[in-house]
Amino acid sequence: MEKSNTNQNEIKTETQPETTNDKSVKKIRNIGVVSSDLYELIPDDNEKNKKMKYEIKKYILDPLPFKPPEIIFSQYFWNQLQMIINQNITLEDYNNIEWCKTFIDIYQDPNYKIEQGHEFI
């Protein structure tokens, strides 16, 4: 939709965004639910895995309840999780270790436990 304004003998044309009355509810995944499930998926069978569990707990699960909504609903914790994954799981791990494949598949699935996610209009 275009709107024309006349200002001191000049004609300016502005593009106005289309407005919709779509009030559908959209859901996003809950970082706490996803991180907790991923944490439980990691076996305690070696030091590398224990380190990864420690990092998820320290940088995501423990601070999450104390952060304001603008941090919780931002990409902050997802970025933290991504860094932890990139430091600890290789492509070779993904291809050869079953729990690593499951871990990455859950992380990448936009619909994983979406019913426990956050609702937005």
PDB file of N, CA and C in Angstrom:
ATOM      1  N   MET A   1       0.850  -1.151   0.000  1.00  0.00           N
ATOM      2  CA  MET A   1       0.000   0.000   0.000  1.00  0.00           C
ATOM      3  C   MET A   1       0.903   1.223   0.000  1.00  0.00           C
ATOM      4  N   GLU A   2       0.638   2.159  -0.883  1.00  0.00           N
ATOM      5  CA  GLU A   2       1.445   3.358  -0.951  1.00  0.00           C
ATOM      6  C   GLU A   2       0.644   4.561  -0.483  1.00  0.00           C
ATOM      7  N   LYS A   3       1.344   5.466   0.158  1.00  0.00           N
ATOM      8  CA  LYS A   3       0.713   6.661   0.691  1.00  0.00           C
ATOM      9  C   LYS A   3       1.526   7.859   0.212  1.00  0.00           C
ATOM     10  N   SER A   4       0.844   8.859  -0.314  1.00  0.00           N
ATOM     11  CA  SER A   4       1.544  10.058  -0.787  1.00  0.00           C
ATOM     12  C   SER A   4       1.314  11.198   0.180  1.00  0.00           C
ATOM     13  N   ASN A   5       2.381  11.921   0.483  1.00  0.00           N
ATOM     14  CA  ASN A   5       2.317  13.101   1.328  1.00  0.00           C
ATOM     15  C   ASN A   5       2.820  14.300   0.535  1.00  0.00           C
ATOM     16  N   THR A   6       2.137  15.428   0.675  1.00  0.00           N
ATOM     17  CA  THR A   6       2.600  16.655   0.038  1.00  0.00           C
ATOM     18  C   THR A   6       3.165  17.543   1.126  1.00  0.00           C
ATOM     19  N   ASN A   7       4.417  17.943   0.974  1.00  0.00           N
ATOM     20  CA  ASN A   7       5.081  18.770   1.971  1.00  0.00           C
ATOM     21  C   ASN A   7       5.845  19.860   1.255  1.00  0.00           C
ATOM     22  N   GLN A   8       5.405  21.111   1.384  1.00  0.00           N
ATOM     23  CA  GLN A   8       6.056  22.285   0.785  1.00  0.00           C
ATOM     24  C   GLN A   8       6.342  22.074  -0.696  1.00  0.00           C
ATOM     25  N   ASN A   9       5.299  21.780  -1.441  1.00  0.00           N
ATOM     26  CA  ASN A   9       5.356  21.612  -2.886  1.00  0.00           C
ATOM     27  C   ASN A   9       6.200  20.426  -3.347  1.00  0.00           C
ATOM     28  N   GLU A  10       6.564  19.548  -2.454  1.00  0.00           N
ATOM     29  CA  GLU A  10       7.286  18.344  -2.850  1.00  0.00           C
ATOM     30  C   GLU A  10       6.341  17.159  -2.691  1.00  0.00           C
ATOM     31  N   ILE A  11       6.430  16.227  -3.569  1.00  0.00           N
ATOM     32  CA  ILE A  11       5.614  15.025  -3.458  1.00  0.00           C
ATOM     33  C   ILE A  11       6.543  13.888  -3.038  1.00  0.00           C
ATOM     34  N   LYS A  12       6.220  13.287  -1.911  1.00  0.00           N
ATOM     35  CA  LYS A  12       7.008  12.167  -1.409  1.00  0.00           C
ATOM     36  C   LYS A  12       6.114  10.944  -1.381  1.00  0.00           C
ATOM     37  N   THR A  13       6.653   9.860  -1.788  1.00  0.00           N
ATOM     38  CA  THR A  13       5.910   8.604  -1.744  1.00  0.00           C
ATOM     39  C   THR A  13       6.607   7.686  -0.754  1.00  0.00           C
ATOM     40  N   GLU A  14       5.854   7.223   0.234  1.00  0.00           N
ATOM     41  CA  GLU A  14       6.382   6.307   1.235  1.00  0.00           C
ATOM     42  C   GLU A  14       5.718   4.951   1.061  1.00  0.00           C
ATOM     43  N   THR A  15       6.452   3.928   1.299  1.00  0.00           N
ATOM     44  CA  THR A  15       5.864   2.597   1.271  1.00  0.00           C
ATOM     45  C   THR A  15       5.483   2.224   2.692  1.00  0.00           C
ATOM     46  N   GLN A  16       4.223   1.919   2.891  1.00  0.00           N
ATOM     47  CA  GLN A  16       3.713   1.518   4.202  1.00  0.00           C
ATOM     48  C   GLN A  16       3.672  -0.004   4.248  1.00  0.00           C
ATOM     49  N   PRO A  17       4.085  -0.600   5.360  1.00  0.00           N
ATOM     50  CA  PRO A  17       3.988  -2.059   5.448  1.00  0.00           C
ATOM     51  C   PRO A  17       2.530  -2.491   5.509  1.00  0.00           C
ATOM     52  N   GLU A  18       2.259  -3.620   4.908  1.00  0.00           N
ATOM     53  CA  GLU A  18       0.918  -4.195   4.972  1.00  0.00           C
ATOM     54  C   GLU A  18       0.673  -4.672   6.397  1.00  0.00           C
ATOM     55  N   THR A  19      -0.495  -4.376   6.893  1.00  0.00           N
ATOM     56  CA  THR A  19      -0.834  -4.858   8.225  1.00  0.00           C
ATOM     57  C   THR A  19      -1.766  -6.041   8.098  1.00  0.00           C
ATOM     58  N   THR A  20      -1.630  -6.962   8.996  1.00  0.00           N
ATOM     59  CA  THR A  20      -2.510  -8.125   8.995  1.00  0.00           C
ATOM     60  C   THR A  20      -3.141  -8.259  10.363  1.00  0.00           C
ATOM     61  N   ASN A  21      -4.212  -8.951  10.391  1.00  0.00           N
ATOM     62  CA  ASN A  21      -4.895  -9.230  11.653  1.00  0.00           C
ATOM     63  C   ASN A  21      -4.625 -10.660  12.088  1.00  0.00           C
ATOM     64  N   ASP A  22      -3.502 -11.207  11.660  1.00  0.00           N
ATOM     65  CA  ASP A  22      -3.140 -12.574  12.005  1.00  0.00           C
ATOM     66  C   ASP A  22      -2.694 -12.630  13.456  1.00  0.00           C
ATOM     67  N   LYS A  23      -3.501 -13.212  14.291  1.00  0.00           N
ATOM     68  CA  LYS A  23      -3.194 -13.328  15.716  1.00  0.00           C
ATOM     69  C   LYS A  23      -2.837 -14.770  16.066  1.00  0.00           C
ATOM     70  N   SER A  24      -2.288 -15.503  15.103  1.00  0.00           N
ATOM     71  CA  SER A  24      -1.954 -16.894  15.363  1.00  0.00           C
ATOM     72  C   SER A  24      -0.813 -16.985  16.368  1.00  0.00           C
ATOM     73  N   VAL A  25      -0.877 -18.003  17.176  1.00  0.00           N
ATOM     74  CA  VAL A  25       0.130 -18.215  18.204  1.00  0.00           C
ATOM     75  C   VAL A  25       1.297 -18.979  17.591  1.00  0.00           C
ATOM     76  N   LYS A  26       2.490 -18.474  17.825  1.00  0.00           N
ATOM     77  CA  LYS A  26       3.703 -19.136  17.344  1.00  0.00           C
ATOM     78  C   LYS A  26       4.467 -19.632  18.557  1.00  0.00           C
ATOM     79  N   LYS A  27       5.108 -20.759  18.413  1.00  0.00           N
ATOM     80  CA  LYS A  27       5.876 -21.321  19.519  1.00  0.00           C
ATOM     81  C   LYS A  27       7.349 -21.379  19.140  1.00  0.00           C
ATOM     82  N   ILE A  28       8.186 -21.168  20.147  1.00  0.00           N
ATOM     83  CA  ILE A  28       9.621 -21.380  19.973  1.00  0.00           C
ATOM     84  C   ILE A  28      10.061 -22.408  21.008  1.00  0.00           C
ATOM     85  N   ARG A  29      11.129 -23.093  20.708  1.00  0.00           N
ATOM     86  CA  ARG A  29      11.621 -24.111  21.644  1.00  0.00           C
ATOM     87  C   ARG A  29      12.099 -23.478  22.935  1.00  0.00           C
ATOM     88  N   ASN A  30      11.979 -24.230  24.003  1.00  0.00           N
ATOM     89  CA  ASN A  30      12.422 -23.794  25.320  1.00  0.00           C
ATOM     90  C   ASN A  30      13.865 -24.267  25.501  1.00  0.00           C
ATOM     91  N   ILE A  31      14.802 -23.339  25.615  1.00  0.00           N
ATOM     92  CA  ILE A  31      16.219 -23.683  25.744  1.00  0.00           C
ATOM     93  C   ILE A  31      16.478 -24.532  26.978  1.00  0.00           C
ATOM     94  N   GLY A  32      15.712 -24.321  28.038  1.00  0.00           N
ATOM     95  CA  GLY A  32      15.877 -25.124  29.247  1.00  0.00           C
ATOM     96  C   GLY A  32      15.507 -26.575  29.032  1.00  0.00           C
ATOM     97  N   VAL A  33      14.409 -26.814  28.346  1.00  0.00           N
ATOM     98  CA  VAL A  33      13.947 -28.184  28.066  1.00  0.00           C
ATOM     99  C   VAL A  33      14.935 -28.885  27.146  1.00  0.00           C
ATOM    100  N   VAL A  34      15.317 -28.230  26.071  1.00  0.00           N
ATOM    101  CA  VAL A  34      16.238 -28.837  25.101  1.00  0.00           C
ATOM    102  C   VAL A  34      17.593 -29.116  25.754  1.00  0.00           C
ATOM    103  N   SER A  35      18.143 -28.141  26.466  1.00  0.00           N
ATOM    104  CA  SER A  35      19.457 -28.308  27.100  1.00  0.00           C
ATOM    105  C   SER A  35      19.441 -29.403  28.149  1.00  0.00           C
ATOM    106  N   SER A  36      18.381 -29.474  28.915  1.00  0.00           N
ATOM    107  CA  SER A  36      18.263 -30.508  29.947  1.00  0.00           C
ATOM    108  C   SER A  36      18.235 -31.899  29.322  1.00  0.00           C
ATOM    109  N   ASP A  37      17.477 -32.052  28.258  1.00  0.00           N
ATOM    110  CA  ASP A  37      17.423 -33.350  27.574  1.00  0.00           C
ATOM    111  C   ASP A  37      18.772 -33.713  26.967  1.00  0.00           C
ATOM    112  N   LEU A  38      19.441 -32.732  26.377  1.00  0.00           N
ATOM    113  CA  LEU A  38      20.763 -32.992  25.801  1.00  0.00           C
ATOM    114  C   LEU A  38      21.767 -33.363  26.892  1.00  0.00           C
ATOM    115  N   TYR A  39      21.692 -32.672  28.012  1.00  0.00           N
ATOM    116  CA  TYR A  39      22.563 -32.950  29.157  1.00  0.00           C
ATOM    117  C   TYR A  39      22.411 -34.407  29.601  1.00  0.00           C
ATOM    118  N   GLU A  40      21.170 -34.869  29.689  1.00  0.00           N
ATOM    119  CA  GLU A  40      20.896 -36.241  30.134  1.00  0.00           C
ATOM    120  C   GLU A  40      21.349 -37.282  29.119  1.00  0.00           C
ATOM    121  N   LEU A  41      21.485 -36.881  27.881  1.00  0.00           N
ATOM    122  CA  LEU A  41      21.881 -37.794  26.812  1.00  0.00           C
ATOM    123  C   LEU A  41      23.380 -38.125  26.840  1.00  0.00           C
ATOM    124  N   ILE A  42      24.168 -37.261  27.438  1.00  0.00           N
ATOM    125  CA  ILE A  42      25.629 -37.422  27.429  1.00  0.00           C
ATOM    126  C   ILE A  42      26.042 -38.458  28.468  1.00  0.00           C
ATOM    127  N   PRO A  43      26.745 -39.520  28.037  1.00  0.00           N
ATOM    128  CA  PRO A  43      27.220 -40.516  29.007  1.00  0.00           C
ATOM    129  C   PRO A  43      28.398 -39.978  29.831  1.00  0.00           C
ATOM    130  N   ASP A  44      28.584 -40.522  31.018  1.00  0.00           N
ATOM    131  CA  ASP A  44      29.693 -40.116  31.899  1.00  0.00           C
ATOM    132  C   ASP A  44      30.905 -41.033  31.744  1.00  0.00           C
ATOM    133  N   ASP A  45      31.116 -41.571  30.562  1.00  0.00           N
ATOM    134  CA  ASP A  45      32.136 -42.610  30.398  1.00  0.00           C
ATOM    135  C   ASP A  45      33.555 -42.111  30.145  1.00  0.00           C
ATOM    136  N   ASN A  46      33.741 -40.805  29.933  1.00  0.00           N
ATOM    137  CA  ASN A  46      35.110 -40.297  29.771  1.00  0.00           C
ATOM    138  C   ASN A  46      35.180 -38.818  30.155  1.00  0.00           C
ATOM    139  N   GLU A  47      36.389 -38.307  30.248  1.00  0.00           N
ATOM    140  CA  GLU A  47      36.596 -36.929  30.711  1.00  0.00           C
ATOM    141  C   GLU A  47      36.031 -35.893  29.742  1.00  0.00           C
ATOM    142  N   LYS A  48      36.116 -36.160  28.451  1.00  0.00           N
ATOM    143  CA  LYS A  48      35.590 -35.222  27.454  1.00  0.00           C
ATOM    144  C   LYS A  48      34.080 -35.043  27.645  1.00  0.00           C
ATOM    145  N   ASN A  49      33.387 -36.135  27.851  1.00  0.00           N
ATOM    146  CA  ASN A  49      31.934 -36.069  28.049  1.00  0.00           C
ATOM    147  C   ASN A  49      31.592 -35.378  29.368  1.00  0.00           C
ATOM    148  N   LYS A  50      32.352 -35.677  30.406  1.00  0.00           N
ATOM    149  CA  LYS A  50      32.117 -35.034  31.704  1.00  0.00           C
ATOM    150  C   LYS A  50      32.322 -33.522  31.604  1.00  0.00           C
ATOM    151  N   LYS A  51      33.325 -33.119  30.825  1.00  0.00           N
ATOM    152  CA  LYS A  51      33.591 -31.692  30.609  1.00  0.00           C
ATOM    153  C   LYS A  51      32.420 -31.042  29.880  1.00  0.00           C
ATOM    154  N   MET A  52      31.895 -31.718  28.881  1.00  0.00           N
ATOM    155  CA  MET A  52      30.767 -31.186  28.123  1.00  0.00           C
ATOM    156  C   MET A  52      29.533 -31.032  29.010  1.00  0.00           C
ATOM    157  N   LYS A  53      29.273 -32.017  29.841  1.00  0.00           N
ATOM    158  CA  LYS A  53      28.139 -31.932  30.773  1.00  0.00           C
ATOM    159  C   LYS A  53      28.337 -30.774  31.753  1.00  0.00           C
ATOM    160  N   TYR A  54      29.544 -30.642  32.242  1.00  0.00           N
ATOM    161  CA  TYR A  54      29.866 -29.555  33.171  1.00  0.00           C
ATOM    162  C   TYR A  54      29.603 -28.189  32.516  1.00  0.00           C
ATOM    163  N   GLU A  55      30.029 -28.032  31.262  1.00  0.00           N
ATOM    164  CA  GLU A  55      29.858 -26.759  30.560  1.00  0.00           C
ATOM    165  C   GLU A  55      28.379 -26.440  30.309  1.00  0.00           C
ATOM    166  N   ILE A  56      27.588 -27.436  29.938  1.00  0.00           N
ATOM    167  CA  ILE A  56      26.154 -27.206  29.728  1.00  0.00           C
ATOM    168  C   ILE A  56      25.502 -26.787  31.040  1.00  0.00           C
ATOM    169  N   LYS A  57      25.879 -27.451  32.110  1.00  0.00           N
ATOM    170  CA  LYS A  57      25.313 -27.115  33.419  1.00  0.00           C
ATOM    171  C   LYS A  57      25.749 -25.715  33.858  1.00  0.00           C
ATOM    172  N   LYS A  58      27.035 -25.423  33.726  1.00  0.00           N
ATOM    173  CA  LYS A  58      27.573 -24.148  34.201  1.00  0.00           C
ATOM    174  C   LYS A  58      27.088 -22.956  33.377  1.00  0.00           C
ATOM    175  N   TYR A  59      27.071 -23.098  32.065  1.00  0.00           N
ATOM    176  CA  TYR A  59      26.793 -21.948  31.203  1.00  0.00           C
ATOM    177  C   TYR A  59      25.338 -21.832  30.753  1.00  0.00           C
ATOM    178  N   ILE A  60      24.542 -22.893  30.952  1.00  0.00           N
ATOM    179  CA  ILE A  60      23.145 -22.828  30.509  1.00  0.00           C
ATOM    180  C   ILE A  60      22.172 -23.166  31.626  1.00  0.00           C
ATOM    181  N   LEU A  61      22.238 -24.383  32.131  1.00  0.00           N
ATOM    182  CA  LEU A  61      21.216 -24.855  33.070  1.00  0.00           C
ATOM    183  C   LEU A  61      21.219 -24.107  34.401  1.00  0.00           C
ATOM    184  N   ASP A  62      22.383 -23.862  34.979  1.00  0.00           N
ATOM    185  CA  ASP A  62      22.438 -23.165  36.272  1.00  0.00           C
ATOM    186  C   ASP A  62      22.042 -21.687  36.190  1.00  0.00           C
ATOM    187  N   PRO A  63      22.537 -20.917  35.214  1.00  0.00           N
ATOM    188  CA  PRO A  63      22.176 -19.496  35.187  1.00  0.00           C
ATOM    189  C   PRO A  63      20.800 -19.189  34.603  1.00  0.00           C
ATOM    190  N   LEU A  64      20.223 -20.104  33.848  1.00  0.00           N
ATOM    191  CA  LEU A  64      18.961 -19.843  33.151  1.00  0.00           C
ATOM    192  C   LEU A  64      17.839 -19.317  34.041  1.00  0.00           C
ATOM    193  N   PRO A  65      17.600 -19.892  35.219  1.00  0.00           N
ATOM    194  CA  PRO A  65      16.484 -19.399  36.047  1.00  0.00           C
ATOM    195  C   PRO A  65      16.681 -17.973  36.573  1.00  0.00           C
ATOM    196  N   PHE A  66      17.895 -17.468  36.521  1.00  0.00           N
ATOM    197  CA  PHE A  66      18.189 -16.151  37.095  1.00  0.00           C
ATOM    198  C   PHE A  66      18.326 -15.044  36.048  1.00  0.00           C
ATOM    199  N   LYS A  67      18.122 -15.379  34.795  1.00  0.00           N
ATOM    200  CA  LYS A  67      18.274 -14.394  33.722  1.00  0.00           C
ATOM    201  C   LYS A  67      16.934 -13.750  33.385  1.00  0.00           C
ATOM    202  N   PRO A  68      16.956 -12.488  32.957  1.00  0.00           N
ATOM    203  CA  PRO A  68      15.715 -11.809  32.585  1.00  0.00           C
ATOM    204  C   PRO A  68      15.181 -12.347  31.247  1.00  0.00           C
ATOM    205  N   PRO A  69      13.897 -12.135  30.987  1.00  0.00           N
ATOM    206  CA  PRO A  69      13.291 -12.650  29.751  1.00  0.00           C
ATOM    207  C   PRO A  69      14.004 -12.208  28.475  1.00  0.00           C
ATOM    208  N   GLU A  70      14.514 -10.991  28.460  1.00  0.00           N
ATOM    209  CA  GLU A  70      15.176 -10.531  27.235  1.00  0.00           C
ATOM    210  C   GLU A  70      16.436 -11.339  26.923  1.00  0.00           C
ATOM    211  N   ILE A  71      17.030 -11.969  27.900  1.00  0.00           N
ATOM    212  CA  ILE A  71      18.169 -12.865  27.667  1.00  0.00           C
ATOM    213  C   ILE A  71      17.664 -14.272  27.342  1.00  0.00           C
ATOM    214  N   ILE A  72      16.699 -14.745  28.110  1.00  0.00           N
ATOM    215  CA  ILE A  72      16.169 -16.097  27.898  1.00  0.00           C
ATOM    216  C   ILE A  72      15.600 -16.253  26.493  1.00  0.00           C
ATOM    217  N   PHE A  73      14.881 -15.244  26.011  1.00  0.00           N
ATOM    218  CA  PHE A  73      14.240 -15.346  24.705  1.00  0.00           C
ATOM    219  C   PHE A  73      15.124 -14.880  23.563  1.00  0.00           C
ATOM    220  N   SER A  74      16.340 -14.482  23.866  1.00  0.00           N
ATOM    221  CA  SER A  74      17.287 -14.093  22.821  1.00  0.00           C
ATOM    222  C   SER A  74      18.052 -15.345  22.372  1.00  0.00           C
ATOM    223  N   GLN A  75      19.033 -15.143  21.546  1.00  0.00           N
ATOM    224  CA  GLN A  75      19.874 -16.249  21.070  1.00  0.00           C
ATOM    225  C   GLN A  75      21.045 -16.539  22.008  1.00  0.00           C
ATOM    226  N   TYR A  76      21.127 -15.836  23.115  1.00  0.00           N
ATOM    227  CA  TYR A  76      22.279 -15.950  24.015  1.00  0.00           C
ATOM    228  C   TYR A  76      22.571 -17.400  24.410  1.00  0.00           C
ATOM    229  N   PHE A  77      21.589 -18.089  24.998  1.00  0.00           N
ATOM    230  CA  PHE A  77      21.835 -19.452  25.470  1.00  0.00           C
ATOM    231  C   PHE A  77      21.987 -20.440  24.318  1.00  0.00           C
ATOM    232  N   TRP A  78      21.288 -20.192  23.209  1.00  0.00           N
ATOM    233  CA  TRP A  78      21.469 -21.053  22.031  1.00  0.00           C
ATOM    234  C   TRP A  78      22.894 -20.908  21.502  1.00  0.00           C
ATOM    235  N   ASN A  79      23.429 -19.701  21.533  1.00  0.00           N
ATOM    236  CA  ASN A  79      24.818 -19.490  21.099  1.00  0.00           C
ATOM    237  C   ASN A  79      25.804 -20.174  22.040  1.00  0.00           C
ATOM    238  N   GLN A  80      25.521 -20.121  23.343  1.00  0.00           N
ATOM    239  CA  GLN A  80      26.369 -20.821  24.319  1.00  0.00           C
ATOM    240  C   GLN A  80      26.379 -22.323  24.021  1.00  0.00           C
ATOM    241  N   LEU A  81      25.193 -22.873  23.787  1.00  0.00           N
ATOM    242  CA  LEU A  81      25.086 -24.304  23.497  1.00  0.00           C
ATOM    243  C   LEU A  81      25.812 -24.649  22.204  1.00  0.00           C
ATOM    244  N   GLN A  82      25.682 -23.812  21.204  1.00  0.00           N
ATOM    245  CA  GLN A  82      26.361 -24.050  19.939  1.00  0.00           C
ATOM    246  C   GLN A  82      27.881 -24.071  20.118  1.00  0.00           C
ATOM    247  N   MET A  83      28.415 -23.152  20.914  1.00  0.00           N
ATOM    248  CA  MET A  83      29.864 -23.140  21.159  1.00  0.00           C
ATOM    249  C   MET A  83      30.315 -24.414  21.867  1.00  0.00           C
ATOM    250  N   ILE A  84      29.538 -24.850  22.854  1.00  0.00           N
ATOM    251  CA  ILE A  84      29.878 -26.076  23.581  1.00  0.00           C
ATOM    252  C   ILE A  84      29.874 -27.270  22.632  1.00  0.00           C
ATOM    253  N   ILE A  85      28.869 -27.352  21.793  1.00  0.00           N
ATOM    254  CA  ILE A  85      28.778 -28.459  20.832  1.00  0.00           C
ATOM    255  C   ILE A  85      29.956 -28.428  19.867  1.00  0.00           C
ATOM    256  N   ASN A  86      30.251 -27.259  19.310  1.00  0.00           N
ATOM    257  CA  ASN A  86      31.347 -27.149  18.341  1.00  0.00           C
ATOM    258  C   ASN A  86      32.701 -27.511  18.942  1.00  0.00           C
ATOM    259  N   GLN A  87      32.878 -27.253  20.231  1.00  0.00           N
ATOM    260  CA  GLN A  87      34.142 -27.582  20.886  1.00  0.00           C
ATOM    261  C   GLN A  87      34.264 -29.068  21.224  1.00  0.00           C
ATOM    262  N   ASN A  88      33.132 -29.764  21.304  1.00  0.00           N
ATOM    263  CA  ASN A  88      33.171 -31.121  21.839  1.00  0.00           C
ATOM    264  C   ASN A  88      32.725 -32.231  20.898  1.00  0.00           C
ATOM    265  N   ILE A  89      31.954 -31.927  19.886  1.00  0.00           N
ATOM    266  CA  ILE A  89      31.462 -32.973  18.980  1.00  0.00           C
ATOM    267  C   ILE A  89      31.938 -32.665  17.563  1.00  0.00           C
ATOM    268  N   THR A  90      32.657 -33.605  16.994  1.00  0.00           N
ATOM    269  CA  THR A  90      33.162 -33.452  15.634  1.00  0.00           C
ATOM    270  C   THR A  90      32.226 -34.150  14.650  1.00  0.00           C
ATOM    271  N   LEU A  91      32.451 -33.910  13.371  1.00  0.00           N
ATOM    272  CA  LEU A  91      31.692 -34.599  12.337  1.00  0.00           C
ATOM    273  C   LEU A  91      31.933 -36.101  12.428  1.00  0.00           C
ATOM    274  N   GLU A  92      33.149 -36.478  12.735  1.00  0.00           N
ATOM    275  CA  GLU A  92      33.488 -37.903  12.903  1.00  0.00           C
ATOM    276  C   GLU A  92      32.688 -38.506  14.069  1.00  0.00           C
ATOM    277  N   ASP A  93      32.571 -37.754  15.168  1.00  0.00           N
ATOM    278  CA  ASP A  93      31.761 -38.218  16.295  1.00  0.00           C
ATOM    279  C   ASP A  93      30.307 -38.412  15.863  1.00  0.00           C
ATOM    280  N   TYR A  94      29.783 -37.432  15.129  1.00  0.00           N
ATOM    281  CA  TYR A  94      28.398 -37.494  14.660  1.00  0.00           C
ATOM    282  C   TYR A  94      28.164 -38.737  13.806  1.00  0.00           C
ATOM    283  N   ASN A  95      29.127 -39.048  12.954  1.00  0.00           N
ATOM    284  CA  ASN A  95      28.980 -40.191  12.043  1.00  0.00           C
ATOM    285  C   ASN A  95      29.203 -41.536  12.715  1.00  0.00           C
ATOM    286  N   ASN A  96      29.928 -41.573  13.835  1.00  0.00           N
ATOM    287  CA  ASN A  96      30.328 -42.858  14.423  1.00  0.00           C
ATOM    288  C   ASN A  96      29.801 -43.151  15.823  1.00  0.00           C
ATOM    289  N   ILE A  97      29.324 -42.147  16.536  1.00  0.00           N
ATOM    290  CA  ILE A  97      28.875 -42.347  17.911  1.00  0.00           C
ATOM    291  C   ILE A  97      27.378 -42.054  17.970  1.00  0.00           C
ATOM    292  N   GLU A  98      26.612 -43.070  18.344  1.00  0.00           N
ATOM    293  CA  GLU A  98      25.153 -42.966  18.288  1.00  0.00           C
ATOM    294  C   GLU A  98      24.593 -41.821  19.128  1.00  0.00           C
ATOM    295  N   TRP A  99      25.075 -41.650  20.366  1.00  0.00           N
ATOM    296  CA  TRP A  99      24.519 -40.590  21.203  1.00  0.00           C
ATOM    297  C   TRP A  99      24.834 -39.203  20.638  1.00  0.00           C
ATOM    298  N   CYS A 100      25.986 -39.056  19.966  1.00  0.00           N
ATOM    299  CA  CYS A 100      26.342 -37.773  19.348  1.00  0.00           C
ATOM    300  C   CYS A 100      25.392 -37.451  18.194  1.00  0.00           C
ATOM    301  N   LYS A 101      25.046 -38.460  17.404  1.00  0.00           N
ATOM    302  CA  LYS A 101      24.099 -38.258  16.307  1.00  0.00           C
ATOM    303  C   LYS A 101      22.746 -37.840  16.859  1.00  0.00           C
ATOM    304  N   THR A 102      22.268 -38.542  17.878  1.00  0.00           N
ATOM    305  CA  THR A 102      20.992 -38.198  18.502  1.00  0.00           C
ATOM    306  C   THR A 102      21.048 -36.789  19.083  1.00  0.00           C
ATOM    307  N   PHE A 103      22.138 -36.460  19.751  1.00  0.00           N
ATOM    308  CA  PHE A 103      22.344 -35.144  20.358  1.00  0.00           C
ATOM    309  C   PHE A 103      22.198 -34.035  19.307  1.00  0.00           C
ATOM    310  N   ILE A 104      22.935 -34.160  18.212  1.00  0.00           N
ATOM    311  CA  ILE A 104      22.916 -33.143  17.157  1.00  0.00           C
ATOM    312  C   ILE A 104      21.549 -33.088  16.476  1.00  0.00           C
ATOM    313  N   ASP A 105      20.943 -34.238  16.258  1.00  0.00           N
ATOM    314  CA  ASP A 105      19.619 -34.259  15.627  1.00  0.00           C
ATOM    315  C   ASP A 105      18.584 -33.537  16.487  1.00  0.00           C
ATOM    316  N   ILE A 106      18.634 -33.727  17.787  1.00  0.00           N
ATOM    317  CA  ILE A 106      17.725 -33.010  18.691  1.00  0.00           C
ATOM    318  C   ILE A 106      18.023 -31.516  18.657  1.00  0.00           C
ATOM    319  N   TYR A 107      19.281 -31.157  18.728  1.00  0.00           N
ATOM    320  CA  TYR A 107      19.683 -29.746  18.710  1.00  0.00           C
ATOM    321  C   TYR A 107      19.184 -29.043  17.448  1.00  0.00           C
ATOM    322  N   GLN A 108      19.237 -29.721  16.319  1.00  0.00           N
ATOM    323  CA  GLN A 108      18.870 -29.102  15.051  1.00  0.00           C
ATOM    324  C   GLN A 108      17.380 -29.181  14.732  1.00  0.00           C
ATOM    325  N   ASP A 109      16.622 -29.973  15.465  1.00  0.00           N
ATOM    326  CA  ASP A 109      15.202 -30.151  15.180  1.00  0.00           C
ATOM    327  C   ASP A 109      14.391 -28.968  15.718  1.00  0.00           C
ATOM    328  N   PRO A 110      13.844 -28.120  14.843  1.00  0.00           N
ATOM    329  CA  PRO A 110      13.099 -26.944  15.314  1.00  0.00           C
ATOM    330  C   PRO A 110      11.784 -27.308  16.003  1.00  0.00           C
ATOM    331  N   ASN A 111      11.335 -28.533  15.858  1.00  0.00           N
ATOM    332  CA  ASN A 111      10.064 -28.949  16.462  1.00  0.00           C
ATOM    333  C   ASN A 111      10.243 -29.852  17.678  1.00  0.00           C
ATOM    334  N   TYR A 112      11.484 -30.044  18.125  1.00  0.00           N
ATOM    335  CA  TYR A 112      11.725 -30.917  19.272  1.00  0.00           C
ATOM    336  C   TYR A 112      11.043 -30.349  20.514  1.00  0.00           C
ATOM    337  N   LYS A 113      10.108 -31.095  21.068  1.00  0.00           N
ATOM    338  CA  LYS A 113       9.342 -30.717  22.265  1.00  0.00           C
ATOM    339  C   LYS A 113       8.783 -29.303  22.170  1.00  0.00           C
ATOM    340  N   ILE A 114       8.331 -28.950  20.984  1.00  0.00           N
ATOM    341  CA  ILE A 114       7.794 -27.609  20.762  1.00  0.00           C
ATOM    342  C   ILE A 114       6.563 -27.365  21.624  1.00  0.00           C
ATOM    343  N   GLU A 115       5.852 -28.426  21.980  1.00  0.00           N
ATOM    344  CA  GLU A 115       4.664 -28.271  22.825  1.00  0.00           C
ATOM    345  C   GLU A 115       5.033 -27.759  24.209  1.00  0.00           C
ATOM    346  N   GLN A 116       6.295 -27.895  24.610  1.00  0.00           N
ATOM    347  CA  GLN A 116       6.768 -27.365  25.879  1.00  0.00           C
ATOM    348  C   GLN A 116       7.486 -26.028  25.697  1.00  0.00           C
ATOM    349  N   GLY A 117       7.350 -25.465  24.517  1.00  0.00           N
ATOM    350  CA  GLY A 117       8.017 -24.216  24.201  1.00  0.00           C
ATOM    351  C   GLY A 117       7.262 -22.998  24.711  1.00  0.00           C
ATOM    352  N   HIS A 118       7.723 -21.849  24.291  1.00  0.00           N
ATOM    353  CA  HIS A 118       7.135 -20.570  24.679  1.00  0.00           C
ATOM    354  C   HIS A 118       6.191 -20.102  23.582  1.00  0.00           C
ATOM    355  N   GLU A 119       5.054 -19.541  23.965  1.00  0.00           N
ATOM    356  CA  GLU A 119       4.084 -19.055  22.992  1.00  0.00           C
ATOM    357  C   GLU A 119       4.219 -17.552  22.787  1.00  0.00           C
ATOM    358  N   PHE A 120       4.113 -17.154  21.521  1.00  0.00           N
ATOM    359  CA  PHE A 120       4.149 -15.745  21.141  1.00  0.00           C
ATOM    360  C   PHE A 120       3.037 -15.479  20.149  1.00  0.00           C
ATOM    361  N   ILE A 121       2.505 -14.272  20.200  1.00  0.00           N
ATOM    362  CA  ILE A 121       1.482 -13.872  19.218  1.00  0.00           C
ATOM    363  C   ILE A 121       2.139 -12.973  18.207  1.00  0.00           C
TER     364      ILE A 121
END
